[in-house]
Protein backbone atom coordinates (compact mmCIF):
# COMPACT_ATOMS: atom_id res chain seq x y z
CA UNK A 1 -14.29 124.37 89.10
CA UNK A 2 -17.72 125.02 87.63
CA UNK A 3 -18.29 128.63 86.64
CA UNK A 4 -21.95 128.00 85.80
CA UNK A 5 -24.92 126.81 87.82
CA UNK A 6 -26.98 123.94 86.46
CA UNK A 7 -30.32 125.46 85.48
CA UNK A 8 -33.42 123.29 85.31
CA UNK A 9 -35.80 125.59 83.45
CA UNK A 10 -37.87 124.31 80.51
CA UNK A 11 -37.35 126.82 77.72
CA UNK A 12 -38.76 127.14 74.22
CA UNK A 13 -36.45 126.40 71.29
CA UNK A 14 -33.89 129.11 70.62
CA UNK A 15 -33.96 130.57 74.15
CA UNK A 16 -31.03 130.01 76.51
CA UNK A 17 -30.26 130.97 80.10
CA UNK A 18 -27.26 130.86 82.42
CA UNK A 19 -26.21 131.83 85.92
CA UNK A 20 -22.60 132.26 86.98
CA UNK A 21 -20.98 131.05 90.19
CA UNK A 22 -17.97 132.66 91.86
CA UNK A 23 -15.68 129.84 90.67
CA UNK A 24 -13.24 129.57 87.82
CA UNK A 25 -12.24 133.20 87.24
CA UNK A 26 -9.12 135.32 87.64
CA UNK A 27 -10.19 137.98 90.17
CA UNK A 28 -8.22 138.20 93.42
CA UNK A 29 -9.69 138.32 96.93
CA UNK A 30 -12.14 139.62 98.01
CA UNK A 31 -13.59 139.31 94.50
CA UNK A 32 -12.29 135.78 94.04
CA UNK A 33 -12.68 134.60 91.50
CA UNK A 34 -15.33 134.93 88.77
CA UNK A 35 -16.57 138.45 89.47
CA UNK A 36 -18.28 140.06 86.47
CA UNK A 37 -19.09 143.49 87.93
CA UNK A 38 -17.26 146.68 87.01
CA UNK A 39 -18.51 148.77 89.95
CA UNK A 40 -17.24 146.85 92.99
CA UNK A 41 -13.55 147.81 92.98
CA UNK A 42 -12.16 144.77 91.17
CA UNK A 43 -9.16 145.27 88.88
CA UNK A 44 -10.43 146.19 85.37
CA UNK A 45 -8.23 143.60 83.69
CA UNK A 46 -9.67 140.88 85.92
CA UNK A 47 -13.40 141.48 85.58
CA UNK A 48 -12.89 142.20 81.88
CA UNK A 49 -11.16 138.83 81.48
CA UNK A 50 -13.98 137.13 83.37
CA UNK A 51 -16.58 138.73 81.12
CA UNK A 52 -14.67 137.65 78.02
CA UNK A 53 -14.45 134.13 79.40
CA UNK A 54 -18.19 134.10 80.07
CA UNK A 55 -19.00 135.24 76.54
CA UNK A 56 -16.77 132.55 75.04
CA UNK A 57 -17.98 129.83 77.40
CA UNK A 58 -21.63 130.42 76.49
CA UNK A 59 -20.95 131.27 72.83
CA UNK A 60 -23.05 134.38 73.34
CA UNK A 61 -24.26 136.15 70.18
CA UNK A 62 -23.26 139.54 71.62
CA UNK A 63 -21.80 141.19 74.70
CA UNK A 64 -24.37 141.08 77.50
CA UNK A 65 -26.18 144.39 78.00
CA UNK A 66 -24.71 145.15 81.42
CA UNK A 67 -26.82 147.59 83.45
CA UNK A 68 -26.12 150.27 86.03
CA UNK A 69 -28.42 148.79 88.70
CA UNK A 70 -29.84 151.11 91.35
CA UNK A 71 -32.50 148.98 93.13
CA UNK A 72 -35.20 150.71 91.12
CA UNK A 73 -37.91 149.73 88.66
CA UNK A 74 -36.67 151.10 85.33
CA UNK A 75 -36.65 148.60 82.46
CA UNK A 76 -34.18 148.89 79.59
CA UNK A 77 -35.59 148.08 76.15
CA UNK A 78 -32.69 146.46 74.34
CA UNK A 79 -34.48 146.88 71.01
CA UNK A 80 -34.40 150.68 71.27
CA UNK A 81 -31.35 152.84 70.53
CA UNK A 82 -29.38 153.22 73.78
CA UNK A 83 -29.33 156.64 75.40
CA UNK A 84 -26.47 155.66 77.73
CA UNK A 85 -24.10 152.72 78.13
CA UNK A 86 -24.57 151.16 80.56
CA UNK A 87 -28.26 151.98 80.89
CA UNK A 88 -29.42 152.84 84.42
CA UNK A 89 -32.09 150.22 85.00
CA UNK A 90 -32.86 147.11 87.03
CA UNK A 91 -34.39 145.03 84.26
CA UNK A 92 -33.97 144.50 80.53
CA UNK A 93 -36.29 143.16 77.84
CA UNK A 94 -35.94 142.26 74.18
CA UNK A 95 -38.08 140.83 71.40
CA UNK A 96 -35.12 140.24 69.12
CA UNK A 97 -32.56 137.51 68.67
CA UNK A 98 -28.90 138.17 69.31
CA UNK A 99 -29.34 140.42 72.36
CA UNK A 100 -28.39 139.26 75.85
CA UNK A 101 -30.36 140.37 78.90
CA UNK A 102 -28.35 140.27 82.12
CA UNK A 103 -28.62 141.33 85.76
CA UNK A 104 -26.03 141.07 88.53
CA UNK A 105 -26.69 139.98 92.12
CA UNK A 106 -25.03 139.10 95.40
CA UNK A 107 -28.09 138.33 97.62
CA UNK A 108 -30.85 140.09 95.65
CA UNK A 109 -33.13 137.84 93.60
CA UNK A 110 -32.55 137.52 89.84
CA UNK A 111 -35.69 136.75 87.83
CA UNK A 112 -35.49 135.63 84.21
CA UNK A 113 -38.49 135.56 81.87
CA UNK A 114 -39.31 133.96 78.53
CA UNK A 115 -42.55 133.89 76.59
CA UNK A 116 -43.89 130.45 75.85
CA UNK A 117 -43.42 131.07 72.12
CA UNK A 118 -39.80 132.08 72.69
CA UNK A 119 -40.19 135.51 71.07
CA UNK A 120 -39.74 137.69 74.16
CA UNK A 121 -37.26 137.49 77.06
CA UNK A 122 -36.32 139.59 80.06
CA UNK A 123 -34.12 139.72 83.15
CA UNK A 124 -34.95 141.56 86.38
CA UNK A 125 -32.97 142.43 89.50
CA UNK A 126 -35.35 142.07 92.46
CA UNK A 127 -33.91 143.08 95.78
CA UNK A 128 -36.50 143.95 98.40
CA UNK A 129 -36.65 147.61 97.37
CA UNK A 130 -37.19 146.92 93.70
CA UNK A 131 -39.56 144.06 94.41
CA UNK A 132 -41.73 146.19 96.71
CA UNK A 133 -41.67 149.09 94.24
CA UNK A 134 -42.85 146.93 91.33
CA UNK A 135 -39.85 145.92 89.23
CA UNK A 136 -41.46 142.60 88.30
CA UNK A 137 -44.72 144.29 87.36
CA UNK A 138 -42.84 146.81 85.23
CA UNK A 139 -40.87 144.03 83.53
CA UNK A 140 -43.95 142.00 82.65
CA UNK A 141 -45.63 145.17 81.35
CA UNK A 142 -42.58 145.87 79.16
CA UNK A 143 -42.80 142.35 77.74
CA UNK A 144 -46.25 143.32 76.49
CA UNK A 145 -48.10 140.06 76.97
CA UNK A 146 -50.26 138.40 79.63
CA UNK A 147 -48.45 136.69 82.47
CA UNK A 148 -50.05 133.37 81.61
CA UNK A 149 -48.03 133.39 78.39
CA UNK A 150 -44.73 133.70 80.30
CA UNK A 151 -42.44 131.36 82.16
CA UNK A 152 -40.06 132.57 84.87
CA UNK A 153 -36.92 131.37 86.66
CA UNK A 154 -35.82 132.48 90.12
CA UNK A 155 -32.09 132.34 90.70
CA UNK A 156 -29.95 132.19 93.84
CA UNK A 157 -30.72 134.80 96.51
CA UNK A 158 -30.44 135.20 100.26
CA UNK A 159 -32.87 132.80 101.97
CA UNK A 160 -35.30 133.53 104.78
CA UNK A 161 -33.16 132.13 107.64
CA UNK A 162 -30.40 134.63 106.75
CA UNK A 163 -32.42 137.67 105.62
CA UNK A 164 -33.18 139.73 108.72
CA UNK A 165 -35.08 142.98 108.06
CA UNK A 166 -36.81 145.74 109.99
CA UNK A 167 -40.42 146.82 110.23
CA UNK A 168 -40.02 149.18 107.27
CA UNK A 169 -39.34 146.29 104.89
CA UNK A 170 -42.32 144.28 106.07
CA UNK A 171 -44.55 147.36 105.85
CA UNK A 172 -43.41 148.04 102.28
CA UNK A 173 -45.03 144.78 101.23
CA UNK A 174 -47.91 144.40 103.68
CA UNK A 175 -49.25 147.92 103.09
CA UNK A 176 -50.51 146.91 99.65
CA UNK A 177 -50.94 143.17 100.23
CA UNK A 178 -51.87 141.98 103.69
CA UNK A 179 -51.33 138.34 102.78
CA UNK A 180 -47.64 139.12 102.16
CA UNK A 181 -47.28 139.05 105.95
CA UNK A 182 -46.99 135.26 105.64
CA UNK A 183 -43.53 135.75 104.08
CA UNK A 184 -42.19 137.32 107.30
CA UNK A 185 -41.35 135.46 110.52
CA UNK A 186 -40.68 137.38 113.75
CA UNK A 187 -37.31 136.63 115.35
CA UNK A 188 -36.15 137.01 118.94
CA UNK A 189 -34.46 140.34 118.18
CA UNK A 190 -37.69 142.15 117.48
CA UNK A 191 -37.10 142.03 113.73
CA UNK A 192 -38.23 139.84 110.84
CA UNK A 193 -36.88 137.03 108.67
CA UNK A 194 -38.07 137.79 105.12
CA UNK A 195 -38.68 135.23 102.39
CA UNK A 196 -37.67 137.08 99.22
CA UNK A 197 -38.51 134.12 96.98
CA UNK A 198 -42.01 133.74 98.42
CA UNK A 199 -42.65 137.47 97.98
CA UNK A 200 -41.55 137.26 94.34
CA UNK A 201 -43.66 134.18 93.67
CA UNK A 202 -46.70 135.93 95.13
CA UNK A 203 -46.23 138.95 92.88
CA UNK A 204 -45.62 136.80 89.82
CA UNK A 205 -48.75 134.74 90.53
CA UNK A 206 -50.76 137.96 90.83
CA UNK A 207 -49.51 138.87 87.34
CA UNK A 208 -50.68 135.51 85.99
CA UNK A 209 -47.20 133.99 85.86
CA UNK A 210 -47.66 130.53 87.32
CA UNK A 211 -44.98 128.54 85.51
CA UNK A 212 -42.05 129.33 87.80
CA UNK A 213 -38.82 127.36 88.19
CA UNK A 214 -35.85 127.69 90.54
CA UNK A 215 -35.70 129.57 93.81
CA UNK A 216 -34.01 126.87 95.90
CA UNK A 217 -30.48 128.28 96.31
CA UNK A 218 -29.17 130.52 99.10
CA UNK A 219 -26.32 132.90 98.32
CA UNK A 220 -25.57 133.48 102.02
CA UNK A 221 -25.35 129.80 102.98
CA UNK A 222 -23.36 128.58 99.96
CA UNK A 223 -20.02 130.33 100.37
CA UNK A 224 -18.25 128.03 97.92
CA UNK A 225 -20.43 128.87 94.93
CA UNK A 226 -21.95 132.30 95.57
CA UNK A 227 -21.03 135.83 96.57
CA UNK A 228 -23.10 137.32 99.39
CA UNK A 229 -22.97 141.01 100.22
CA UNK A 230 -24.68 140.48 103.57
CA UNK A 231 -22.34 137.64 104.55
CA UNK A 232 -19.04 139.15 103.39
CA UNK A 233 -19.54 142.88 102.80
CA UNK A 234 -18.64 143.91 106.35
CA UNK A 235 -15.38 141.97 106.10
CA UNK A 236 -14.13 143.88 103.07
CA UNK A 237 -15.54 147.41 103.44
CA UNK A 238 -18.50 146.52 101.25
CA UNK A 239 -16.35 145.08 98.47
CA UNK A 240 -17.17 141.76 96.88
CA UNK A 241 -18.02 140.11 93.60
CA UNK A 242 -21.28 139.84 91.69
CA UNK A 243 -22.99 136.91 90.00
CA UNK A 244 -24.76 137.18 86.65
CA UNK A 245 -28.11 135.86 85.43
CA UNK A 246 -28.45 135.87 81.65
CA UNK A 247 -31.11 135.03 79.08
CA UNK A 248 -30.84 135.32 75.30
CA UNK A 249 -32.27 134.14 71.99
CA UNK A 250 -30.06 132.58 69.39
CA UNK A 251 -32.76 132.44 66.71
């Protein structure tokens, strides 16, 4: 079984990226099997073994800087002395080699960044709340360079046919950007089907980030490879595994 997704993202020399699947680990149901999250109720020995396996598999230069994600907009600067481990943030940036940016998802959109010169990298966790509140804008600002000098990768997330939301979600985006309404389709239940990837692309384009790869996978539809909180959470009292999106510099 393949524990890693094939990533087609042109990267500068020395920069690497990876995204895990749910396959090939040791966690038991409902976290089966390659869960890497510590906060979802999985046995500590199992998610710890999965994390060790991931580090060895990718020959990572350091332990990934796992975050305490809260669907917010805080960005952790991995080059600064940590004030808490794990840091409470929904994005991480670094300008140095040997540090691994990582975010965890199970329907929310992971967004990885790299500067064209390979000197700066970042990872952001963009669920609808963080996306509407500006997590991508905050991440690009923390990278400290114009968007046109960045390249981005959008990982697996819940797709529009499976992402039903209420008026409050649509309003969170449309209030500041009327054109964002195009990313919402009314359904026959009086609610909306939201296109998280399209919303992220629009915000990235507004920041000047136009070189964008990925965005074609659905966590909800692909049960074999991906965890999905919306698909499976109600079956297991909200318990389930998390996938990881990582980016790092080796040089």
